[in-house]
Amino acid sequence: MKRYPILKRAFDLTSAFFSLLLLLPIMVVVGFIVSIESPGGPLFIQRRVGKGERIFRMLKFRTMCRNADKMGSSVSGNDDWRLTRIGKYLRDTKLDEFPNLLNVLLGQMSVVGPRPELPQFLPFYKDGYREIFDICPGLTGPAQLTYFFEYTLLPKENVEKFYKSKIMKRKLSMDLDYVRNYNLRRDASLITSTVFRLFIHESSQTPTEERTGSRR
C-alpha cells in the first residue's frame, strides 16, 4: 500500500499522455463542433476540490450554453434548457470528459479516485468524510460507476435539493470506502468496468431506488 501511490501516479502519467496523443484528433473535432453549435469556447472550466482540499480548475467540453452556470443550478438534468444538442450526445458518450486527461497529466486528478467535488458541497463532508480528500479525485471510481448516467435521474425542478437528499450521501460513503481500501486490483477492476459500462445502454445503469419519475 505504501508503494502503490507511486505506481498509481506513474500509471496516471503514462495513460493520460498516450490517451491524449491518441484522442487528440477526436478532441479537435469535438471542440470545433461545440464552438460552431453554440457561441463561446469549446471548454467548460469549473472550480473543483482536489487532494488536500485544494481548489483546481477542471476541464470538460462545454455541454451547455455559454454562461450557463450563471443562469441556474450547478447540477443539471437531461431536460435542462441550457443543454445544447451536441452537449446531450457528449454526456451520453462521456466525450465531454476527455479534457479531464489534462487534469490527470497535471497531477490534479487520477484515473481512478473519488469524485472531484464542487466547493459549494464541502459542508457535506463533515462527520468523517474529509478523509476523502487524502487522495486525488478520479476520472472514474465507485460512485462515478454507480451513477454513470446520473443526469438521467435528476428532476426538472429542485435539482440541487434532490441531489443532496437522494444521491450525495451514498456517493460520500462510496468515496470514503474507496479511499480507505484502494489497491491495484480494485483500480484495475474499476477501469475495466468503466470501459465495459460505456457500451451498455444507460437505462440499465441507473440505481432503481432513484428512478421514481425523476428522468429529466
Protein backbone atom coordinates (compact mmCIF):
# COMPACT_ATOMS: atom_id res chain seq x y z
CA MET A 1 0.00 0.00 0.00
CA LYS A 2 2.88 2.36 0.75
CA ARG A 3 4.39 1.86 -2.71
CA TYR A 4 1.12 1.76 -4.63
CA PRO A 5 0.54 5.56 -4.73
CA ILE A 6 3.84 5.87 -6.64
CA LEU A 7 2.76 3.16 -9.08
CA LYS A 8 -0.66 4.78 -9.35
CA ARG A 9 0.84 8.15 -10.29
CA ALA A 10 3.14 6.52 -12.84
CA PHE A 11 0.13 4.85 -14.43
CA ASP A 12 -1.78 8.14 -14.42
CA LEU A 13 1.03 9.97 -16.23
CA THR A 14 1.56 7.23 -18.80
CA SER A 15 -2.10 6.57 -19.56
CA ALA A 16 -3.03 10.28 -19.70
CA PHE A 17 -0.12 11.14 -22.00
CA PHE A 18 -0.75 8.37 -24.53
CA SER A 19 -4.54 8.76 -24.34
CA LEU A 20 -4.21 12.45 -25.18
CA LEU A 21 -1.99 11.63 -28.14
CA LEU A 22 -4.46 9.02 -29.37
CA LEU A 23 -7.59 11.09 -28.78
CA LEU A 24 -6.26 14.47 -29.93
CA PRO A 25 -7.86 14.32 -33.42
CA ILE A 26 -11.24 13.42 -31.90
CA MET A 27 -10.93 16.19 -29.32
CA VAL A 28 -10.14 18.76 -32.01
CA VAL A 29 -13.25 17.76 -33.97
CA VAL A 30 -15.45 17.75 -30.86
CA GLY A 31 -14.13 21.17 -29.82
CA PHE A 32 -14.85 22.56 -33.28
CA ILE A 33 -18.44 21.22 -33.31
CA VAL A 34 -19.13 22.57 -29.81
CA SER A 35 -17.93 26.04 -30.83
CA ILE A 36 -19.92 26.01 -34.06
CA GLU A 37 -23.23 24.97 -32.48
CA SER A 38 -23.12 27.38 -29.55
CA PRO A 39 -21.26 30.70 -29.17
CA GLY A 40 -18.36 30.52 -26.76
CA GLY A 41 -15.24 28.42 -26.40
CA PRO A 42 -15.29 24.61 -26.56
CA LEU A 43 -14.18 24.10 -22.96
CA PHE A 44 -16.07 24.45 -19.72
CA ILE A 45 -13.74 25.27 -16.82
CA GLN A 46 -15.11 24.73 -13.34
CA ARG A 47 -13.63 25.03 -9.85
CA ARG A 48 -13.43 21.69 -8.06
CA VAL A 49 -11.93 20.45 -4.80
CA GLY A 50 -8.93 18.15 -5.07
CA LYS A 51 -6.38 16.47 -2.85
CA GLY A 52 -5.81 18.30 0.42
CA GLU A 53 -8.98 20.34 -0.26
CA ARG A 54 -7.06 22.43 -2.78
CA ILE A 55 -9.14 24.09 -5.47
CA PHE A 56 -8.27 23.32 -9.08
CA ARG A 57 -9.85 24.10 -12.43
CA MET A 58 -11.38 21.02 -14.02
CA LEU A 59 -11.64 20.94 -17.81
CA LYS A 60 -14.55 19.49 -19.77
CA PHE A 61 -16.07 20.04 -23.17
CA ARG A 62 -18.92 22.52 -22.85
CA THR A 63 -22.31 20.79 -22.98
CA MET A 64 -24.47 23.82 -22.16
CA CYS A 65 -24.91 27.33 -23.50
CA ARG A 66 -22.36 29.99 -22.64
CA ASN A 67 -22.56 31.30 -19.05
CA ALA A 68 -24.98 28.51 -18.12
CA ASP A 69 -23.51 28.42 -14.63
CA LYS A 70 -24.85 31.95 -14.10
CA MET A 71 -28.34 31.06 -15.31
CA GLY A 72 -29.30 28.28 -12.96
CA SER A 73 -28.24 25.39 -10.73
CA SER A 74 -24.75 23.90 -10.92
CA VAL A 75 -26.46 20.49 -11.02
CA SER A 76 -28.31 19.90 -14.29
CA GLY A 77 -30.79 17.33 -15.57
CA ASN A 78 -31.29 15.85 -19.03
CA ASP A 79 -34.13 18.23 -19.91
CA ASP A 80 -32.30 21.37 -18.77
CA TRP A 81 -33.00 24.15 -21.28
CA ARG A 82 -29.34 25.18 -21.11
CA LEU A 83 -28.16 21.88 -22.59
CA THR A 84 -27.10 22.02 -26.25
CA ARG A 85 -27.88 19.29 -28.82
CA ILE A 86 -24.27 18.18 -29.08
CA GLY A 87 -24.00 18.55 -25.31
CA LYS A 88 -26.52 15.77 -24.67
CA TYR A 89 -24.62 13.46 -27.01
CA LEU A 90 -21.32 14.31 -25.32
CA ARG A 91 -22.79 13.47 -21.93
CA ASP A 92 -24.30 10.20 -23.13
CA THR A 93 -20.97 9.06 -24.59
CA LYS A 94 -18.77 10.67 -21.89
CA LEU A 95 -16.84 12.50 -24.61
CA ASP A 96 -17.29 15.69 -22.60
CA GLU A 97 -14.85 14.33 -20.01
CA PHE A 98 -11.90 13.76 -22.36
CA PRO A 99 -10.24 17.08 -21.36
CA ASN A 100 -10.05 15.70 -17.80
CA LEU A 101 -6.97 13.86 -19.06
CA LEU A 102 -5.12 17.19 -18.92
CA ASN A 103 -6.00 17.45 -15.23
CA VAL A 104 -4.59 13.95 -14.73
CA LEU A 105 -1.40 14.92 -16.52
CA LEU A 106 -1.05 17.97 -14.27
CA GLY A 107 -1.44 15.84 -11.16
CA GLN A 108 -4.77 17.40 -10.16
CA MET A 109 -6.73 14.22 -10.84
CA SER A 110 -6.12 10.49 -11.09
CA VAL A 111 -7.56 7.91 -13.47
CA VAL A 112 -9.34 6.27 -10.51
CA GLY A 113 -10.40 8.07 -7.36
CA PRO A 114 -13.24 9.86 -5.54
CA ARG A 115 -15.43 12.35 -7.38
CA PRO A 116 -14.00 15.85 -7.90
CA GLU A 117 -16.45 17.82 -5.78
CA LEU A 118 -17.86 21.31 -6.22
CA PRO A 119 -16.72 23.75 -3.47
CA GLN A 120 -20.33 24.54 -2.53
CA PHE A 121 -20.85 20.96 -1.31
CA LEU A 122 -17.89 20.95 1.09
CA PRO A 123 -20.15 21.37 4.18
CA PHE A 124 -21.50 17.86 3.46
CA TYR A 125 -18.03 16.42 4.03
CA LYS A 126 -18.11 16.87 7.80
CA ASP A 127 -18.50 13.93 10.20
CA GLY A 128 -15.52 11.96 8.93
CA TYR A 129 -15.81 12.44 5.19
CA ARG A 130 -12.84 14.86 4.95
CA GLU A 131 -10.63 11.80 4.62
CA ILE A 132 -11.85 11.61 1.03
CA PHE A 133 -9.51 14.49 0.20
CA ASP A 134 -6.44 12.46 1.20
CA ILE A 135 -6.01 11.39 -2.43
CA CYS A 136 -6.64 12.92 -5.86
CA PRO A 137 -10.14 12.77 -7.32
CA GLY A 138 -10.57 10.44 -10.28
CA LEU A 139 -11.98 10.21 -13.78
CA THR A 140 -13.79 7.13 -12.58
CA GLY A 141 -14.45 5.42 -9.27
CA PRO A 142 -17.15 3.50 -7.39
CA ALA A 143 -19.52 6.48 -7.13
CA GLN A 144 -18.98 7.51 -10.75
CA LEU A 145 -19.76 3.98 -11.91
CA THR A 146 -22.86 3.59 -9.75
CA TYR A 147 -24.21 6.92 -11.01
CA PHE A 148 -22.74 6.62 -14.50
CA PHE A 149 -25.73 8.39 -16.08
CA GLU A 150 -26.68 10.43 -13.04
CA TYR A 151 -28.17 13.29 -15.04
CA THR A 152 -30.97 10.98 -16.21
CA LEU A 153 -32.12 10.70 -12.59
CA LEU A 154 -32.44 14.39 -11.88
CA PRO A 155 -35.84 16.14 -11.98
CA LYS A 156 -36.56 19.35 -13.87
CA GLU A 157 -37.19 21.32 -10.68
CA ASN A 158 -35.46 21.47 -7.29
CA VAL A 159 -32.46 19.68 -8.79
CA GLU A 160 -29.96 20.52 -6.05
CA LYS A 161 -32.40 19.58 -3.29
CA PHE A 162 -33.00 16.20 -4.91
CA TYR A 163 -29.27 15.66 -5.38
CA LYS A 164 -28.43 16.49 -1.77
CA SER A 165 -31.22 14.40 -0.25
CA LYS A 166 -31.25 11.36 -2.56
CA ILE A 167 -27.79 10.92 -4.07
CA MET A 168 -24.96 12.73 -2.34
CA LYS A 169 -24.84 10.76 0.93
CA ARG A 170 -24.46 7.49 -0.95
CA LYS A 171 -21.67 8.93 -3.07
CA LEU A 172 -19.80 10.09 0.01
CA SER A 173 -19.96 6.62 1.55
CA MET A 174 -18.65 5.04 -1.65
CA ASP A 175 -15.82 7.55 -1.95
CA LEU A 176 -14.78 7.10 1.68
CA ASP A 177 -14.73 3.33 1.32
CA TYR A 178 -12.55 3.65 -1.79
CA VAL A 179 -10.03 5.97 -0.09
CA ARG A 180 -9.67 3.53 2.81
CA ASN A 181 -9.36 0.41 0.65
CA TYR A 182 -7.94 1.27 -2.76
CA ASN A 183 -5.34 -1.03 -4.31
CA LEU A 184 -4.08 -2.25 -7.68
CA ARG A 185 -6.66 -4.98 -8.08
CA ARG A 186 -9.57 -2.69 -7.22
CA ASP A 187 -8.38 0.07 -9.55
CA ALA A 188 -7.92 -2.41 -12.42
CA SER A 189 -11.46 -3.71 -11.82
CA LEU A 190 -12.91 -0.18 -11.80
CA ILE A 191 -11.14 0.76 -15.03
CA THR A 192 -12.35 -2.43 -16.73
CA SER A 193 -15.91 -1.86 -15.50
CA THR A 194 -15.85 1.74 -16.75
CA VAL A 195 -14.79 0.70 -20.25
CA PHE A 196 -17.45 -2.01 -20.24
CA ARG A 197 -20.12 0.39 -18.97
CA LEU A 198 -19.58 2.75 -21.90
CA PHE A 199 -21.10 0.13 -24.19
CA ILE A 200 -24.20 -0.58 -22.09
CA HIS A 201 -27.47 1.27 -22.58
CA GLU A 202 -27.97 3.99 -19.95
CA SER A 203 -31.38 2.79 -18.78
CA SER A 204 -29.78 -0.32 -17.28
CA GLN A 205 -27.26 1.72 -15.31
CA THR A 206 -29.35 3.93 -13.07
CA PRO A 207 -29.95 2.78 -9.47
CA THR A 208 -33.54 1.54 -9.30
CA GLU A 209 -34.09 3.21 -5.94
CA GLU A 210 -33.85 6.62 -7.56
CA ARG A 211 -35.75 6.10 -10.81
CA THR A 212 -39.07 7.28 -9.39
CA GLY A 213 -40.22 9.59 -12.14
CA SER A 214 -37.09 11.69 -11.97
CA ARG A 215 -35.85 11.34 -15.53
CA ARG A 216 -35.20 14.83 -16.85
